[in-house]
Structures are given as C-alpha cells and as structure tokens.
Amino acid sequence: MTEPDKLRADAAECAIIRDLATDRDKRELFARLAAHLSALAADVEHAARSSRPAS
C-alpha cells in the first residue's frame, strides 16, 4: 500500500467514525480529520509526481 493509499484509507475510517458519532464535537473533529488526511494524500501524490524526472 502506498502512502497516499494509506492516507485515503485513514480518511475513510475517519469518515465512518464521523457518520457514527452522536456527539456534534466528535463529528466535526472526525470530519476535519478526514478532510485533512484526504488533502495530505493529494499533496503526497503531487509531490511524488513533481519529483519524478521528465521522460
């Protein structure tokens, strides 16, 4: 599993927890975590693409 895949899997788990949470503060926290992890995955992919030598 690549780093972006792991981050996306963690984001999906946070989204599940968000959906199951009954406490508003916990829902908001896990929503922010899911969004942050998804953004990190995109950033890691972008950095990996940018660091590859041009063919």
PDB file of N, CA and C in Angstrom:
ATOM      1  N   MET A   1       0.858  -1.178   0.000  1.00  0.00           N
ATOM      2  CA  MET A   1       0.000   0.000   0.000  1.00  0.00           C
ATOM      3  C   MET A   1       0.899   1.234   0.000  1.00  0.00           C
ATOM      4  N   THR A   2       0.607   2.147  -0.905  1.00  0.00           N
ATOM      5  CA  THR A   2       1.399   3.376  -0.984  1.00  0.00           C
ATOM      6  C   THR A   2       0.961   4.357   0.106  1.00  0.00           C
ATOM      7  N   GLU A   3       1.781   5.355   0.321  1.00  0.00           N
ATOM      8  CA  GLU A   3       1.454   6.349   1.342  1.00  0.00           C
ATOM      9  C   GLU A   3       0.120   7.042   1.067  1.00  0.00           C
ATOM     10  N   PRO A   4      -0.133   7.480  -0.175  1.00  0.00           N
ATOM     11  CA  PRO A   4      -1.438   8.110  -0.430  1.00  0.00           C
ATOM     12  C   PRO A   4      -2.607   7.154  -0.187  1.00  0.00           C
ATOM     13  N   ASP A   5      -2.418   5.875  -0.542  1.00  0.00           N
ATOM     14  CA  ASP A   5      -3.485   4.891  -0.298  1.00  0.00           C
ATOM     15  C   ASP A   5      -3.755   4.741   1.194  1.00  0.00           C
ATOM     16  N   LYS A   6      -2.697   4.709   1.990  1.00  0.00           N
ATOM     17  CA  LYS A   6      -2.846   4.594   3.443  1.00  0.00           C
ATOM     18  C   LYS A   6      -3.565   5.824   4.002  1.00  0.00           C
ATOM     19  N   LEU A   7      -3.186   6.991   3.527  1.00  0.00           N
ATOM     20  CA  LEU A   7      -3.842   8.217   3.992  1.00  0.00           C
ATOM     21  C   LEU A   7      -5.318   8.229   3.612  1.00  0.00           C
ATOM     22  N   ARG A   8      -5.628   7.767   2.399  1.00  0.00           N
ATOM     23  CA  ARG A   8      -7.038   7.713   1.980  1.00  0.00           C
ATOM     24  C   ARG A   8      -7.826   6.697   2.799  1.00  0.00           C
ATOM     25  N   ALA A   9      -7.197   5.573   3.129  1.00  0.00           N
ATOM     26  CA  ALA A   9      -7.869   4.571   3.962  1.00  0.00           C
ATOM     27  C   ALA A   9      -8.144   5.145   5.351  1.00  0.00           C
ATOM     28  N   ASP A  10      -7.173   5.865   5.894  1.00  0.00           N
ATOM     29  CA  ASP A  10      -7.376   6.504   7.198  1.00  0.00           C
ATOM     30  C   ASP A  10      -8.480   7.565   7.122  1.00  0.00           C
ATOM     31  N   ALA A  11      -8.516   8.301   6.021  1.00  0.00           N
ATOM     32  CA  ALA A  11      -9.565   9.311   5.834  1.00  0.00           C
ATOM     33  C   ALA A  11     -10.938   8.646   5.781  1.00  0.00           C
ATOM     34  N   ALA A  12     -11.012   7.505   5.097  1.00  0.00           N
ATOM     35  CA  ALA A  12     -12.292   6.787   5.008  1.00  0.00           C
ATOM     36  C   ALA A  12     -12.734   6.296   6.391  1.00  0.00           C
ATOM     37  N   GLU A  13     -11.791   5.825   7.192  1.00  0.00           N
ATOM     38  CA  GLU A  13     -12.130   5.392   8.549  1.00  0.00           C
ATOM     39  C   GLU A  13     -12.627   6.560   9.388  1.00  0.00           C
ATOM     40  N   CYS A  14     -11.985   7.715   9.240  1.00  0.00           N
ATOM     41  CA  CYS A  14     -12.442   8.906   9.968  1.00  0.00           C
ATOM     42  C   CYS A  14     -13.855   9.293   9.532  1.00  0.00           C
ATOM     43  N   ALA A  15     -14.137   9.155   8.246  1.00  0.00           N
ATOM     44  CA  ALA A  15     -15.474   9.480   7.749  1.00  0.00           C
ATOM     45  C   ALA A  15     -16.521   8.531   8.334  1.00  0.00           C
ATOM     46  N   ILE A  16     -16.157   7.273   8.473  1.00  0.00           N
ATOM     47  CA  ILE A  16     -17.086   6.311   9.083  1.00  0.00           C
ATOM     48  C   ILE A  16     -17.346   6.688  10.532  1.00  0.00           C
ATOM     49  N   ILE A  17     -16.287   6.999  11.255  1.00  0.00           N
ATOM     50  CA  ILE A  17     -16.443   7.401  12.660  1.00  0.00           C
ATOM     51  C   ILE A  17     -17.291   8.670  12.749  1.00  0.00           C
ATOM     52  N   ARG A  18     -17.025   9.618  11.838  1.00  0.00           N
ATOM     53  CA  ARG A  18     -17.827  10.858  11.792  1.00  0.00           C
ATOM     54  C   ARG A  18     -19.306  10.531  11.636  1.00  0.00           C
ATOM     55  N   ASP A  19     -19.607   9.624  10.732  1.00  0.00           N
ATOM     56  CA  ASP A  19     -21.006   9.284  10.464  1.00  0.00           C
ATOM     57  C   ASP A  19     -21.668   8.561  11.625  1.00  0.00           C
ATOM     58  N   LEU A  20     -20.872   7.850  12.414  1.00  0.00           N
ATOM     59  CA  LEU A  20     -21.419   7.094  13.544  1.00  0.00           C
ATOM     60  C   LEU A  20     -21.459   7.894  14.847  1.00  0.00           C
ATOM     61  N   ALA A  21     -20.704   8.977  14.895  1.00  0.00           N
ATOM     62  CA  ALA A  21     -20.606   9.753  16.133  1.00  0.00           C
ATOM     63  C   ALA A  21     -21.942  10.419  16.464  1.00  0.00           C
ATOM     64  N   THR A  22     -22.288  10.367  17.724  1.00  0.00           N
ATOM     65  CA  THR A  22     -23.517  11.019  18.171  1.00  0.00           C
ATOM     66  C   THR A  22     -23.235  12.401  18.766  1.00  0.00           C
ATOM     67  N   ASP A  23     -22.006  12.641  19.132  1.00  0.00           N
ATOM     68  CA  ASP A  23     -21.597  13.925  19.698  1.00  0.00           C
ATOM     69  C   ASP A  23     -21.197  14.880  18.569  1.00  0.00           C
ATOM     70  N   ARG A  24     -21.760  16.071  18.551  1.00  0.00           N
ATOM     71  CA  ARG A  24     -21.503  17.046  17.494  1.00  0.00           C
ATOM     72  C   ARG A  24     -20.019  17.398  17.389  1.00  0.00           C
ATOM     73  N   ASP A  25     -19.358  17.602  18.522  1.00  0.00           N
ATOM     74  CA  ASP A  25     -17.935  17.961  18.505  1.00  0.00           C
ATOM     75  C   ASP A  25     -17.092  16.842  17.897  1.00  0.00           C
ATOM     76  N   LYS A  26     -17.423  15.600  18.207  1.00  0.00           N
ATOM     77  CA  LYS A  26     -16.679  14.476  17.636  1.00  0.00           C
ATOM     78  C   LYS A  26     -16.947  14.347  16.143  1.00  0.00           C
ATOM     79  N   ARG A  27     -18.183  14.599  15.728  1.00  0.00           N
ATOM     80  CA  ARG A  27     -18.486  14.568  14.290  1.00  0.00           C
ATOM     81  C   ARG A  27     -17.647  15.600  13.559  1.00  0.00           C
ATOM     82  N   GLU A  28     -17.582  16.806  14.112  1.00  0.00           N
ATOM     83  CA  GLU A  28     -16.802  17.868  13.484  1.00  0.00           C
ATOM     84  C   GLU A  28     -15.316  17.534  13.464  1.00  0.00           C
ATOM     85  N   LEU A  29     -14.812  16.979  14.559  1.00  0.00           N
ATOM     86  CA  LEU A  29     -13.403  16.608  14.636  1.00  0.00           C
ATOM     87  C   LEU A  29     -13.061  15.575  13.566  1.00  0.00           C
ATOM     88  N   PHE A  30     -13.859  14.522  13.468  1.00  0.00           N
ATOM     89  CA  PHE A  30     -13.556  13.471  12.506  1.00  0.00           C
ATOM     90  C   PHE A  30     -13.808  13.932  11.074  1.00  0.00           C
ATOM     91  N   ALA A  31     -14.697  14.872  10.869  1.00  0.00           N
ATOM     92  CA  ALA A  31     -14.877  15.455   9.536  1.00  0.00           C
ATOM     93  C   ALA A  31     -13.618  16.226   9.140  1.00  0.00           C
ATOM     94  N   ARG A  32     -13.077  17.007  10.076  1.00  0.00           N
ATOM     95  CA  ARG A  32     -11.839  17.747   9.799  1.00  0.00           C
ATOM     96  C   ARG A  32     -10.676  16.797   9.551  1.00  0.00           C
ATOM     97  N   LEU A  33     -10.584  15.739  10.358  1.00  0.00           N
ATOM     98  CA  LEU A  33      -9.508  14.758  10.163  1.00  0.00           C
ATOM     99  C   LEU A  33      -9.614  14.092   8.800  1.00  0.00           C
ATOM    100  N   ALA A  34     -10.809  13.704   8.402  1.00  0.00           N
ATOM    101  CA  ALA A  34     -10.999  13.060   7.099  1.00  0.00           C
ATOM    102  C   ALA A  34     -10.578  14.009   5.978  1.00  0.00           C
ATOM    103  N   ALA A  35     -10.987  15.254   6.060  1.00  0.00           N
ATOM    104  CA  ALA A  35     -10.631  16.229   5.033  1.00  0.00           C
ATOM    105  C   ALA A  35      -9.125  16.473   5.003  1.00  0.00           C
ATOM    106  N   HIS A  36      -8.523  16.567   6.167  1.00  0.00           N
ATOM    107  CA  HIS A  36      -7.082  16.818   6.257  1.00  0.00           C
ATOM    108  C   HIS A  36      -6.293  15.641   5.676  1.00  0.00           C
ATOM    109  N   LEU A  37      -6.679  14.427   6.027  1.00  0.00           N
ATOM    110  CA  LEU A  37      -5.978  13.247   5.514  1.00  0.00           C
ATOM    111  C   LEU A  37      -6.137  13.124   4.005  1.00  0.00           C
ATOM    112  N   SER A  38      -7.300  13.449   3.486  1.00  0.00           N
ATOM    113  CA  SER A  38      -7.509  13.422   2.035  1.00  0.00           C
ATOM    114  C   SER A  38      -6.621  14.456   1.345  1.00  0.00           C
ATOM    115  N   ALA A  39      -6.528  15.638   1.932  1.00  0.00           N
ATOM    116  CA  ALA A  39      -5.667  16.674   1.363  1.00  0.00           C
ATOM    117  C   ALA A  39      -4.198  16.256   1.418  1.00  0.00           C
ATOM    118  N   LEU A  40      -3.799  15.624   2.507  1.00  0.00           N
ATOM    119  CA  LEU A  40      -2.420  15.148   2.603  1.00  0.00           C
ATOM    120  C   LEU A  40      -2.126  14.107   1.529  1.00  0.00           C
ATOM    121  N   ALA A  41      -3.055  13.207   1.278  1.00  0.00           N
ATOM    122  CA  ALA A  41      -2.875  12.192   0.240  1.00  0.00           C
ATOM    123  C   ALA A  41      -2.664  12.862  -1.116  1.00  0.00           C
ATOM    124  N   ALA A  42      -3.471  13.864  -1.414  1.00  0.00           N
ATOM    125  CA  ALA A  42      -3.324  14.585  -2.682  1.00  0.00           C
ATOM    126  C   ALA A  42      -1.972  15.297  -2.746  1.00  0.00           C
ATOM    127  N   ASP A  43      -1.551  15.888  -1.642  1.00  0.00           N
ATOM    128  CA  ASP A  43      -0.256  16.580  -1.603  1.00  0.00           C
ATOM    129  C   ASP A  43       0.901  15.612  -1.817  1.00  0.00           C
ATOM    130  N   VAL A  44       0.830  14.438  -1.197  1.00  0.00           N
ATOM    131  CA  VAL A  44       1.881  13.432  -1.347  1.00  0.00           C
ATOM    132  C   VAL A  44       1.944  12.965  -2.797  1.00  0.00           C
ATOM    133  N   GLU A  45       0.784  12.719  -3.408  1.00  0.00           N
ATOM    134  CA  GLU A  45       0.775  12.316  -4.812  1.00  0.00           C
ATOM    135  C   GLU A  45       1.361  13.406  -5.706  1.00  0.00           C
ATOM    136  N   HIS A  46       0.989  14.633  -5.443  1.00  0.00           N
ATOM    137  CA  HIS A  46       1.502  15.751  -6.240  1.00  0.00           C
ATOM    138  C   HIS A  46       3.016  15.861  -6.089  1.00  0.00           C
ATOM    139  N   ALA A  47       3.512  15.746  -4.876  1.00  0.00           N
ATOM    140  CA  ALA A  47       4.949  15.827  -4.638  1.00  0.00           C
ATOM    141  C   ALA A  47       5.686  14.686  -5.335  1.00  0.00           C
ATOM    142  N   ALA A  48       5.096  13.496  -5.303  1.00  0.00           N
ATOM    143  CA  ALA A  48       5.734  12.347  -5.962  1.00  0.00           C
ATOM    144  C   ALA A  48       5.796  12.563  -7.470  1.00  0.00           C
ATOM    145  N   ARG A  49       4.711  13.074  -8.052  1.00  0.00           N
ATOM    146  CA  ARG A  49       4.698  13.344  -9.497  1.00  0.00           C
ATOM    147  C   ARG A  49       5.705  14.430  -9.850  1.00  0.00           C
ATOM    148  N   SER A  50       5.807  15.441  -9.008  1.00  0.00           N
ATOM    149  CA  SER A  50       6.704  16.570  -9.280  1.00  0.00           C
ATOM    150  C   SER A  50       8.177  16.186  -9.167  1.00  0.00           C
ATOM    151  N   SER A  51       8.463  15.191  -8.352  1.00  0.00           N
ATOM    152  CA  SER A  51       9.857  14.813  -8.126  1.00  0.00           C
ATOM    153  C   SER A  51      10.381  13.789  -9.138  1.00  0.00           C
ATOM    154  N   ARG A  52       9.473  13.247  -9.965  1.00  0.00           N
ATOM    155  CA  ARG A  52       9.907  12.287 -10.986  1.00  0.00           C
ATOM    156  C   ARG A  52      10.635  13.020 -12.094  1.00  0.00           C
ATOM    157  N   PRO A  53      11.725  12.426 -12.562  1.00  0.00           N
ATOM    158  CA  PRO A  53      12.425  13.060 -13.695  1.00  0.00           C
ATOM    159  C   PRO A  53      11.570  12.996 -14.952  1.00  0.00           C
ATOM    160  N   ALA A  54      11.688  14.035 -15.758  1.00  0.00           N
ATOM    161  CA  ALA A  54      10.919  14.093 -17.009  1.00  0.00           C
ATOM    162  C   ALA A  54      11.444  13.034 -17.967  1.00  0.00           C
ATOM    163  N   SER A  55      10.533  12.368 -18.672  1.00  0.00           N
ATOM    164  CA  SER A  55      10.947  11.330 -19.617  1.00  0.00           C
ATOM    165  C   SER A  55      10.978  11.877 -21.017  1.00  0.00           C
TER     166      SER A  55
END
